[in-house]
Amino acid sequence: MVGTDKRLTIPAAFAALTVAQLIHSIEEVWAGLYTWLPRVTGYLRGKFDTIPQLSVSRTRFAFANIVVVAFMVAVSILLFRRVSWAVRVARAIAFVEILNGIAHPVAMIIMRRYFPGAFSAIGLIIFGVLFLRADYIERAGSHLDES
């Protein structure tokens, strides 16, 4: 198809990020990230007094991840329906997901061993960046249309 725009749309890019988060959540629960929370947050509390030391059961951790993915599915639906404020919410989520994607491999490097969520974290980075890129391209294009 000549002239077909092959850029990833904002809704499609965010839906892909949502799938990446689903895969990431499955890895985190399956690999037992919840068992690391007391150790990691305890370490961070030693550096920053304001960070609480956390402990959570597998069930609660899985439920929290389900809530995150469900919220992202809802935002995806709003994006496909072209609800304008949903783009701002999606931008914030994408930024957080990129940071989350960076944190897991960094933890793995620091610990010199596998850290739950490290393998699927690359998807959060890739699809978070692709979403922000699609958003930037669309915003840049809309500014050109206004001229």
Protein backbone atom coordinates (compact mmCIF):
# COMPACT_ATOMS: atom_id res chain seq x y z
CA MET A 1 0.00 0.00 0.00
CA VAL A 2 1.67 3.13 -1.20
CA GLY A 3 1.32 6.12 1.09
CA THR A 4 0.17 4.12 4.12
CA ASP A 5 1.29 5.69 7.39
CA LYS A 6 3.14 2.96 9.30
CA ARG A 7 3.63 4.92 12.52
CA LEU A 8 2.32 3.36 15.69
CA THR A 9 -0.78 5.20 16.89
CA ILE A 10 -1.06 6.45 20.46
CA PRO A 11 -3.79 3.93 21.41
CA ALA A 12 -1.95 1.00 19.81
CA ALA A 13 1.34 1.97 21.44
CA PHE A 14 -0.29 2.22 24.86
CA ALA A 15 -2.11 -1.09 24.35
CA ALA A 16 1.28 -2.67 23.59
CA LEU A 17 2.69 -1.11 26.78
CA THR A 18 -0.28 -2.57 28.67
CA VAL A 19 0.51 -6.06 27.32
CA ALA A 20 4.17 -5.54 28.29
CA GLN A 21 3.05 -4.64 31.83
CA LEU A 22 0.85 -7.75 31.96
CA ILE A 23 3.83 -9.93 31.00
CA HIS A 24 6.01 -8.04 33.50
CA SER A 25 3.44 -8.54 36.27
CA ILE A 26 3.28 -12.27 35.55
CA GLU A 27 7.07 -12.51 35.76
CA GLU A 28 7.17 -10.54 39.01
CA VAL A 29 4.54 -12.71 40.69
CA TRP A 30 5.88 -15.99 39.27
CA ALA A 31 9.47 -15.15 40.26
CA GLY A 32 8.49 -13.92 43.73
CA LEU A 33 9.29 -10.20 43.67
CA TYR A 34 7.02 -9.82 46.70
CA THR A 35 9.57 -11.84 48.74
CA TRP A 36 12.24 -9.25 47.91
CA LEU A 37 10.23 -6.23 49.03
CA PRO A 38 11.31 -6.30 52.71
CA ARG A 39 14.97 -6.62 51.72
CA VAL A 40 14.91 -3.96 48.99
CA THR A 41 12.80 -1.44 50.88
CA GLY A 42 14.86 -2.09 54.03
CA TYR A 43 18.02 -1.27 52.07
CA LEU A 44 16.42 1.88 50.65
CA ARG A 45 15.17 2.88 54.10
CA GLY A 46 18.78 2.75 55.30
CA LYS A 47 19.62 5.33 52.63
CA PHE A 48 16.43 7.42 52.79
CA ASP A 49 14.53 7.61 56.09
CA THR A 50 11.27 8.54 54.39
CA ILE A 51 10.94 5.20 52.56
CA PRO A 52 8.92 2.65 54.53
CA GLN A 53 9.97 -0.98 54.75
CA LEU A 54 7.32 -2.98 52.90
CA SER A 55 6.13 -6.54 53.18
CA VAL A 56 3.26 -8.03 51.20
CA SER A 57 1.79 -11.48 50.58
CA ARG A 58 1.82 -13.13 47.18
CA THR A 59 -1.96 -12.72 46.94
CA ARG A 60 -1.91 -8.99 47.71
CA PHE A 61 1.02 -8.44 45.38
CA ALA A 62 -0.77 -10.29 42.58
CA PHE A 63 -3.95 -8.31 43.26
CA ALA A 64 -2.03 -5.01 43.12
CA ASN A 65 -0.60 -6.03 39.76
CA ILE A 66 -4.06 -6.96 38.48
CA VAL A 67 -5.32 -3.51 39.50
CA VAL A 68 -2.42 -1.83 37.65
CA VAL A 69 -3.07 -3.82 34.47
CA ALA A 70 -6.84 -3.27 34.69
CA PHE A 71 -6.29 0.48 35.06
CA MET A 72 -4.02 0.45 32.03
CA VAL A 73 -6.66 -1.48 30.03
CA ALA A 74 -9.21 1.20 31.00
CA VAL A 75 -6.83 3.96 29.87
CA SER A 76 -6.24 2.05 26.60
CA ILE A 77 -9.99 1.95 25.95
CA LEU A 78 -10.25 5.68 26.61
CA LEU A 79 -7.37 6.31 24.20
CA PHE A 80 -9.07 4.28 21.46
CA ARG A 81 -12.21 6.36 22.11
CA ARG A 82 -10.09 9.53 21.72
CA VAL A 83 -10.74 10.87 25.24
CA SER A 84 -8.24 13.73 25.31
CA TRP A 85 -7.36 13.74 29.02
CA ALA A 86 -6.49 10.04 28.86
CA VAL A 87 -3.37 10.93 26.87
CA ARG A 88 -2.00 12.90 29.85
CA VAL A 89 -2.66 9.94 32.15
CA ALA A 90 -1.02 7.59 29.64
CA ARG A 91 2.05 9.84 29.41
CA ALA A 92 2.52 9.68 33.18
CA ILE A 93 2.06 5.90 33.18
CA ALA A 94 4.54 5.48 30.30
CA PHE A 95 7.14 7.53 32.16
CA VAL A 96 6.68 5.42 35.31
CA GLU A 97 6.84 2.21 33.27
CA ILE A 98 10.12 3.27 31.66
CA LEU A 99 11.60 3.97 35.12
CA ASN A 100 10.25 0.61 36.33
CA GLY A 101 11.81 -1.05 33.28
CA ILE A 102 15.18 0.51 34.08
CA ALA A 103 15.05 -0.33 37.80
CA HIS A 104 14.80 -4.12 37.41
CA PRO A 105 17.95 -4.66 35.30
CA VAL A 106 19.82 -2.15 37.47
CA ALA A 107 18.87 -4.21 40.54
CA MET A 108 20.05 -7.34 38.71
CA ILE A 109 23.40 -5.71 37.92
CA ILE A 110 23.87 -4.48 41.49
CA MET A 111 22.98 -7.88 42.95
CA ARG A 112 24.90 -9.83 40.29
CA ARG A 113 22.04 -12.29 39.94
CA TYR A 114 18.56 -12.53 38.49
CA PHE A 115 16.07 -10.06 39.93
CA PRO A 116 12.34 -10.75 39.44
CA GLY A 117 10.97 -8.74 36.53
CA ALA A 118 14.35 -8.10 34.88
CA PHE A 119 13.67 -10.09 31.71
CA SER A 120 10.32 -8.50 30.86
CA ALA A 121 11.51 -5.03 31.90
CA ILE A 122 12.91 -4.43 28.42
CA GLY A 123 9.33 -4.50 27.08
CA LEU A 124 8.36 -1.70 29.47
CA ILE A 125 11.24 0.42 28.22
CA ILE A 126 10.66 -0.31 24.52
CA PHE A 127 6.89 0.17 24.52
CA GLY A 128 7.03 3.10 26.94
CA VAL A 129 9.43 4.89 24.59
CA LEU A 130 7.34 3.92 21.53
CA PHE A 131 4.25 5.38 23.19
CA LEU A 132 6.03 8.63 24.08
CA ARG A 133 7.39 8.80 20.53
CA ALA A 134 3.92 8.28 19.01
CA ASP A 135 2.55 10.95 21.34
CA TYR A 136 5.34 13.37 20.40
CA ILE A 137 4.83 12.79 16.67
CA GLU A 138 1.08 13.34 16.96
CA ARG A 139 1.52 16.51 19.03
CA ALA A 140 4.15 17.83 16.62
CA GLY A 141 1.84 17.08 13.69
CA SER A 142 -1.09 18.85 15.34
CA HIS A 143 1.05 21.96 15.80
CA LEU A 144 1.87 21.89 12.08
CA ASP A 145 -1.84 21.57 11.26
CA GLU A 146 -2.58 24.72 13.29
CA SER A 147 -0.11 26.81 11.25
